[in-house]
């Protein structure tokens, strides 16, 4: 985890965490949809970006370091969840979750431009 932990004033982003659930479509098939679990205040730290060539086109990806306060809810976040910025509507795939290095903060790495 990064050494500089955020202050409460840096928790400026309202984010929602969505978990993938499987539902029946009524025709005997199941499909995965995301359902919101909870919302939290978060501090974003840019971790840079990258460009990947996908199907002969350049695609930009942004990697964020995200801090949320450690609570019973945030301790449940898993690497296959989706994070959404409530204000902008941007979606991020949660890639890394570190809920054990610091008892006060949960550190996440989230990425745009990839399937959650």
N, C-alpha and C. Protein backbone atom coordinates (compact mmCIF):
# COMPACT_ATOMS: atom_id res chain seq x y z
N UNK A 1 0.84 -1.16 0.00
CA UNK A 1 0.00 0.00 0.00
C UNK A 1 0.89 1.23 0.00
N UNK A 2 0.42 2.29 -0.63
CA UNK A 2 1.20 3.52 -0.71
C UNK A 2 1.38 4.12 0.68
N UNK A 3 2.53 4.73 0.94
CA UNK A 3 2.81 5.23 2.27
C UNK A 3 1.98 6.44 2.69
N UNK A 4 1.59 7.33 1.74
CA UNK A 4 0.82 8.50 2.14
C UNK A 4 -0.66 8.17 2.12
N UNK A 5 -1.19 8.05 3.29
CA UNK A 5 -2.61 7.76 3.42
C UNK A 5 -3.40 9.05 3.29
N UNK A 6 -4.63 8.98 2.83
CA UNK A 6 -5.41 10.20 2.61
C UNK A 6 -5.88 10.81 3.93
N UNK A 7 -6.20 12.09 3.84
CA UNK A 7 -6.86 12.76 4.96
C UNK A 7 -8.36 12.73 4.70
N UNK A 8 -9.14 13.04 5.70
CA UNK A 8 -10.58 13.01 5.51
C UNK A 8 -11.03 14.04 4.47
N UNK A 9 -10.26 15.13 4.30
CA UNK A 9 -10.59 16.13 3.29
C UNK A 9 -10.41 15.64 1.87
N UNK A 10 -9.64 14.59 1.68
CA UNK A 10 -9.43 14.04 0.34
C UNK A 10 -10.54 13.08 -0.09
N UNK A 11 -11.42 12.71 0.82
CA UNK A 11 -12.52 11.80 0.48
C UNK A 11 -13.61 12.58 -0.24
N UNK A 12 -13.34 12.94 -1.49
CA UNK A 12 -14.21 13.83 -2.25
C UNK A 12 -15.07 13.12 -3.29
N UNK A 13 -14.86 11.85 -3.49
CA UNK A 13 -15.58 11.13 -4.54
C UNK A 13 -16.58 10.17 -3.90
N UNK A 14 -17.84 10.28 -4.32
CA UNK A 14 -18.87 9.35 -3.86
C UNK A 14 -18.91 8.21 -4.86
N UNK A 15 -18.64 6.99 -4.38
CA UNK A 15 -18.60 5.83 -5.27
C UNK A 15 -19.58 4.77 -4.78
N UNK A 16 -20.05 3.99 -5.72
CA UNK A 16 -20.92 2.85 -5.41
C UNK A 16 -20.18 1.59 -5.80
N UNK A 17 -20.34 0.55 -5.01
CA UNK A 17 -19.72 -0.73 -5.30
C UNK A 17 -20.80 -1.72 -5.70
N UNK A 18 -20.60 -2.36 -6.85
CA UNK A 18 -21.58 -3.29 -7.41
C UNK A 18 -20.98 -4.68 -7.45
N UNK A 19 -21.79 -5.66 -7.06
CA UNK A 19 -21.39 -7.06 -7.10
C UNK A 19 -22.15 -7.74 -8.23
N UNK A 20 -21.45 -8.61 -8.95
CA UNK A 20 -22.11 -9.36 -10.03
C UNK A 20 -22.97 -10.47 -9.43
N UNK A 21 -24.23 -10.49 -9.82
CA UNK A 21 -25.14 -11.54 -9.38
C UNK A 21 -25.71 -12.24 -10.60
N UNK A 22 -26.09 -13.47 -10.43
CA UNK A 22 -26.66 -14.25 -11.52
C UNK A 22 -28.17 -14.30 -11.35
N UNK A 23 -28.89 -13.96 -12.42
CA UNK A 23 -30.34 -14.01 -12.38
C UNK A 23 -30.85 -14.88 -13.53
N UNK A 24 -32.03 -15.41 -13.35
CA UNK A 24 -32.69 -16.22 -14.38
C UNK A 24 -33.42 -15.27 -15.33
N UNK A 25 -33.24 -15.48 -16.64
CA UNK A 25 -33.90 -14.59 -17.61
C UNK A 25 -35.30 -15.05 -17.96
N UNK A 26 -35.81 -16.10 -17.33
CA UNK A 26 -37.16 -16.58 -17.58
C UNK A 26 -37.25 -17.60 -18.70
N UNK A 27 -36.16 -17.82 -19.41
CA UNK A 27 -36.15 -18.78 -20.52
C UNK A 27 -35.22 -19.95 -20.24
N UNK A 28 -34.86 -20.12 -18.98
CA UNK A 28 -33.99 -21.22 -18.61
C UNK A 28 -32.51 -20.88 -18.66
N UNK A 29 -32.21 -19.66 -18.99
CA UNK A 29 -30.81 -19.21 -19.03
C UNK A 29 -30.54 -18.31 -17.83
N UNK A 30 -29.27 -18.17 -17.52
CA UNK A 30 -28.91 -17.23 -16.46
C UNK A 30 -27.97 -16.20 -17.04
N UNK A 31 -28.05 -14.99 -16.49
CA UNK A 31 -27.18 -13.93 -16.95
C UNK A 31 -26.65 -13.18 -15.74
N UNK A 32 -25.45 -12.66 -15.89
CA UNK A 32 -24.82 -11.92 -14.80
C UNK A 32 -25.10 -10.44 -14.93
N UNK A 33 -25.61 -9.86 -13.88
CA UNK A 33 -25.85 -8.42 -13.83
C UNK A 33 -25.23 -7.88 -12.55
N UNK A 34 -24.92 -6.60 -12.56
CA UNK A 34 -24.36 -5.98 -11.38
C UNK A 34 -25.48 -5.38 -10.54
N UNK A 35 -25.40 -5.59 -9.24
CA UNK A 35 -26.35 -4.98 -8.32
C UNK A 35 -25.56 -4.22 -7.26
N UNK A 36 -26.06 -3.04 -6.95
CA UNK A 36 -25.35 -2.17 -6.01
C UNK A 36 -25.41 -2.75 -4.60
N UNK A 37 -24.26 -2.77 -3.94
CA UNK A 37 -24.18 -3.24 -2.55
C UNK A 37 -24.19 -2.09 -1.56
N UNK A 38 -23.39 -1.06 -1.83
CA UNK A 38 -23.33 0.09 -0.92
C UNK A 38 -22.59 1.24 -1.59
N UNK A 39 -22.65 2.42 -0.95
CA UNK A 39 -21.92 3.59 -1.40
C UNK A 39 -20.96 4.02 -0.32
N UNK A 40 -19.88 4.69 -0.73
CA UNK A 40 -18.87 5.15 0.23
C UNK A 40 -18.17 6.37 -0.35
N UNK A 41 -17.52 7.14 0.53
CA UNK A 41 -16.68 8.25 0.11
C UNK A 41 -15.28 7.71 -0.15
N UNK A 42 -14.64 8.21 -1.21
CA UNK A 42 -13.34 7.67 -1.61
C UNK A 42 -12.37 8.78 -1.99
N UNK A 43 -11.10 8.49 -1.84
CA UNK A 43 -10.02 9.36 -2.31
C UNK A 43 -9.37 8.68 -3.50
N UNK A 44 -9.27 9.41 -4.61
CA UNK A 44 -8.65 8.87 -5.82
C UNK A 44 -7.22 9.36 -5.92
N UNK A 45 -6.35 8.46 -6.31
CA UNK A 45 -4.95 8.79 -6.60
C UNK A 45 -4.63 8.20 -7.97
N UNK A 46 -4.19 9.04 -8.87
CA UNK A 46 -3.86 8.56 -10.20
C UNK A 46 -2.64 7.66 -10.14
N UNK A 47 -2.72 6.52 -10.79
CA UNK A 47 -1.60 5.58 -10.85
C UNK A 47 -1.07 5.49 -12.27
N UNK A 48 -1.43 6.47 -13.09
CA UNK A 48 -0.96 6.47 -14.48
C UNK A 48 -1.95 5.78 -15.38
N UNK A 49 -1.55 5.54 -16.55
CA UNK A 49 -2.41 4.90 -17.52
C UNK A 49 -1.59 4.09 -18.49
N UNK A 50 -2.26 3.50 -19.43
CA UNK A 50 -1.56 2.74 -20.45
C UNK A 50 -2.39 2.77 -21.71
N UNK A 51 -1.78 2.36 -22.77
CA UNK A 51 -2.49 2.23 -24.03
C UNK A 51 -2.30 0.81 -24.51
N UNK A 52 -3.39 0.20 -24.89
CA UNK A 52 -3.33 -1.16 -25.40
C UNK A 52 -3.92 -1.18 -26.81
N UNK A 53 -3.34 -2.00 -27.65
CA UNK A 53 -3.88 -2.16 -28.99
C UNK A 53 -4.84 -3.34 -28.95
N UNK A 54 -6.10 -3.03 -29.15
CA UNK A 54 -7.14 -4.04 -29.11
C UNK A 54 -7.86 -4.00 -30.45
N UNK A 55 -7.85 -5.12 -31.16
CA UNK A 55 -8.50 -5.24 -32.46
C UNK A 55 -8.09 -4.09 -33.38
N UNK A 56 -6.78 -3.83 -33.45
CA UNK A 56 -6.18 -2.86 -34.35
C UNK A 56 -6.58 -1.42 -34.04
N UNK A 57 -7.00 -1.14 -32.81
CA UNK A 57 -7.25 0.26 -32.45
C UNK A 57 -6.63 0.53 -31.08
N UNK A 58 -6.26 1.74 -30.90
CA UNK A 58 -5.61 2.13 -29.65
C UNK A 58 -6.68 2.42 -28.60
N UNK A 59 -6.50 1.87 -27.43
CA UNK A 59 -7.48 2.03 -26.37
C UNK A 59 -6.77 2.54 -25.13
N UNK A 60 -7.25 3.65 -24.57
CA UNK A 60 -6.65 4.21 -23.36
C UNK A 60 -7.23 3.57 -22.12
N UNK A 61 -6.37 3.35 -21.15
CA UNK A 61 -6.80 2.79 -19.87
C UNK A 61 -6.23 3.65 -18.76
N UNK A 62 -7.03 3.88 -17.76
CA UNK A 62 -6.61 4.69 -16.64
C UNK A 62 -6.62 3.83 -15.38
N UNK A 63 -5.55 3.87 -14.63
CA UNK A 63 -5.43 3.09 -13.41
C UNK A 63 -5.48 4.05 -12.22
N UNK A 64 -6.36 3.76 -11.28
CA UNK A 64 -6.53 4.60 -10.09
C UNK A 64 -6.18 3.82 -8.84
N UNK A 65 -5.55 4.50 -7.91
CA UNK A 65 -5.43 4.00 -6.56
C UNK A 65 -6.55 4.63 -5.77
N UNK A 66 -7.35 3.84 -5.08
CA UNK A 66 -8.54 4.34 -4.40
C UNK A 66 -8.47 3.94 -2.93
N UNK A 67 -8.71 4.91 -2.06
CA UNK A 67 -8.79 4.65 -0.63
C UNK A 67 -10.22 4.85 -0.16
N UNK A 68 -10.74 3.90 0.60
CA UNK A 68 -12.01 4.05 1.30
C UNK A 68 -11.78 3.68 2.76
N UNK A 69 -12.57 4.25 3.64
CA UNK A 69 -12.42 3.91 5.06
C UNK A 69 -12.76 2.44 5.28
N UNK A 70 -12.06 1.83 6.19
CA UNK A 70 -12.29 0.42 6.50
C UNK A 70 -13.52 0.28 7.38
N UNK A 71 -14.54 -0.38 6.86
CA UNK A 71 -15.78 -0.66 7.58
C UNK A 71 -16.16 -2.11 7.32
N UNK A 72 -17.21 -2.56 7.95
CA UNK A 72 -17.69 -3.91 7.69
C UNK A 72 -18.11 -4.07 6.22
N UNK A 73 -18.66 -3.02 5.62
CA UNK A 73 -19.08 -3.09 4.22
C UNK A 73 -17.87 -3.11 3.28
N UNK A 74 -16.93 -2.18 3.47
CA UNK A 74 -15.80 -2.10 2.55
C UNK A 74 -14.87 -3.30 2.67
N UNK A 75 -14.90 -3.99 3.80
CA UNK A 75 -14.07 -5.20 3.95
C UNK A 75 -14.58 -6.34 3.07
N UNK A 76 -15.81 -6.22 2.54
CA UNK A 76 -16.39 -7.27 1.69
C UNK A 76 -16.02 -7.13 0.22
N UNK A 77 -15.43 -6.00 -0.18
CA UNK A 77 -15.13 -5.76 -1.59
C UNK A 77 -14.18 -6.83 -2.12
N UNK A 78 -14.49 -7.32 -3.30
CA UNK A 78 -13.67 -8.35 -3.94
C UNK A 78 -13.16 -7.85 -5.29
N UNK A 79 -12.17 -8.52 -5.81
CA UNK A 79 -11.52 -8.09 -7.05
C UNK A 79 -12.39 -8.27 -8.30
N UNK A 80 -13.55 -8.89 -8.19
CA UNK A 80 -14.42 -9.03 -9.36
C UNK A 80 -15.61 -8.07 -9.30
N UNK A 81 -15.59 -7.12 -8.38
CA UNK A 81 -16.66 -6.14 -8.27
C UNK A 81 -16.40 -4.98 -9.22
N UNK A 82 -17.42 -4.14 -9.34
CA UNK A 82 -17.32 -2.92 -10.14
C UNK A 82 -17.48 -1.72 -9.21
N UNK A 83 -16.73 -0.68 -9.48
CA UNK A 83 -16.87 0.57 -8.73
C UNK A 83 -17.38 1.63 -9.70
N UNK A 84 -18.36 2.42 -9.26
CA UNK A 84 -18.90 3.50 -10.09
C UNK A 84 -18.75 4.83 -9.38
N UNK A 85 -18.35 5.85 -10.11
CA UNK A 85 -18.35 7.21 -9.59
C UNK A 85 -19.79 7.69 -9.70
N UNK A 86 -20.43 7.99 -8.58
CA UNK A 86 -21.84 8.34 -8.57
C UNK A 86 -22.08 9.66 -9.31
N UNK A 87 -21.17 10.62 -9.19
CA UNK A 87 -21.35 11.92 -9.81
C UNK A 87 -21.20 11.87 -11.33
N UNK A 88 -20.16 11.21 -11.82
CA UNK A 88 -19.89 11.20 -13.25
C UNK A 88 -20.47 9.99 -13.98
N UNK A 89 -20.75 8.91 -13.26
CA UNK A 89 -21.25 7.69 -13.89
C UNK A 89 -20.17 6.79 -14.45
N UNK A 90 -18.90 7.16 -14.29
CA UNK A 90 -17.79 6.34 -14.80
C UNK A 90 -17.72 5.03 -14.03
N UNK A 91 -17.46 3.94 -14.76
CA UNK A 91 -17.33 2.62 -14.15
C UNK A 91 -15.88 2.17 -14.17
N UNK A 92 -15.50 1.48 -13.12
CA UNK A 92 -14.13 0.98 -12.97
C UNK A 92 -14.18 -0.49 -12.59
N UNK A 93 -13.29 -1.27 -13.15
CA UNK A 93 -13.14 -2.66 -12.75
C UNK A 93 -12.18 -2.69 -11.57
N UNK A 94 -12.60 -3.29 -10.47
CA UNK A 94 -11.73 -3.41 -9.29
C UNK A 94 -10.76 -4.54 -9.58
N UNK A 95 -9.46 -4.24 -9.53
CA UNK A 95 -8.43 -5.23 -9.84
C UNK A 95 -7.74 -5.78 -8.61
N UNK A 96 -7.44 -4.92 -7.64
CA UNK A 96 -6.71 -5.33 -6.44
C UNK A 96 -7.42 -4.75 -5.23
N UNK A 97 -7.56 -5.57 -4.19
CA UNK A 97 -8.17 -5.12 -2.93
C UNK A 97 -7.20 -5.47 -1.80
N UNK A 98 -6.82 -4.46 -1.03
CA UNK A 98 -5.96 -4.67 0.13
C UNK A 98 -6.70 -4.16 1.35
N UNK A 99 -7.32 -5.07 2.07
CA UNK A 99 -8.09 -4.70 3.26
C UNK A 99 -7.37 -5.10 4.54
N UNK A 100 -6.14 -5.60 4.45
CA UNK A 100 -5.46 -6.10 5.65
C UNK A 100 -4.20 -5.32 6.03
N UNK A 101 -3.59 -4.57 5.12
CA UNK A 101 -2.35 -3.87 5.44
C UNK A 101 -2.54 -2.72 6.41
N UNK A 102 -3.70 -2.10 6.38
CA UNK A 102 -3.99 -0.96 7.24
C UNK A 102 -5.37 -1.15 7.85
N UNK A 103 -5.47 -1.02 9.15
CA UNK A 103 -6.76 -1.27 9.79
C UNK A 103 -7.74 -0.15 9.60
N UNK A 104 -7.31 1.03 9.13
CA UNK A 104 -8.19 2.18 8.96
C UNK A 104 -8.63 2.41 7.51
N UNK A 105 -7.90 1.86 6.56
CA UNK A 105 -8.18 2.11 5.15
C UNK A 105 -8.19 0.81 4.35
N UNK A 106 -9.04 0.76 3.34
CA UNK A 106 -9.02 -0.30 2.33
C UNK A 106 -8.48 0.36 1.07
N UNK A 107 -7.43 -0.23 0.50
CA UNK A 107 -6.82 0.29 -0.71
C UNK A 107 -7.25 -0.57 -1.88
N UNK A 108 -7.67 0.08 -2.96
CA UNK A 108 -8.11 -0.63 -4.17
C UNK A 108 -7.33 -0.10 -5.35
N UNK A 109 -7.13 -0.95 -6.34
CA UNK A 109 -6.69 -0.48 -7.64
C UNK A 109 -7.83 -0.76 -8.59
N UNK A 110 -8.26 0.29 -9.26
CA UNK A 110 -9.39 0.21 -10.18
C UNK A 110 -8.95 0.70 -11.55
N UNK A 111 -9.53 0.13 -12.60
CA UNK A 111 -9.08 0.42 -13.95
C UNK A 111 -10.26 0.68 -14.88
N UNK A 112 -10.13 1.69 -15.72
CA UNK A 112 -11.12 1.94 -16.77
C UNK A 112 -10.67 1.26 -18.05
N UNK A 113 -11.59 1.13 -18.99
CA UNK A 113 -11.22 0.60 -20.29
C UNK A 113 -11.12 -0.91 -20.36
N UNK A 114 -11.54 -1.60 -19.31
CA UNK A 114 -11.54 -3.07 -19.31
C UNK A 114 -12.90 -3.56 -18.81
N UNK A 115 -13.22 -4.78 -19.14
CA UNK A 115 -14.48 -5.35 -18.66
C UNK A 115 -14.36 -5.67 -17.17
N UNK A 116 -15.37 -5.27 -16.40
CA UNK A 116 -15.32 -5.57 -14.95
C UNK A 116 -15.59 -7.03 -14.68
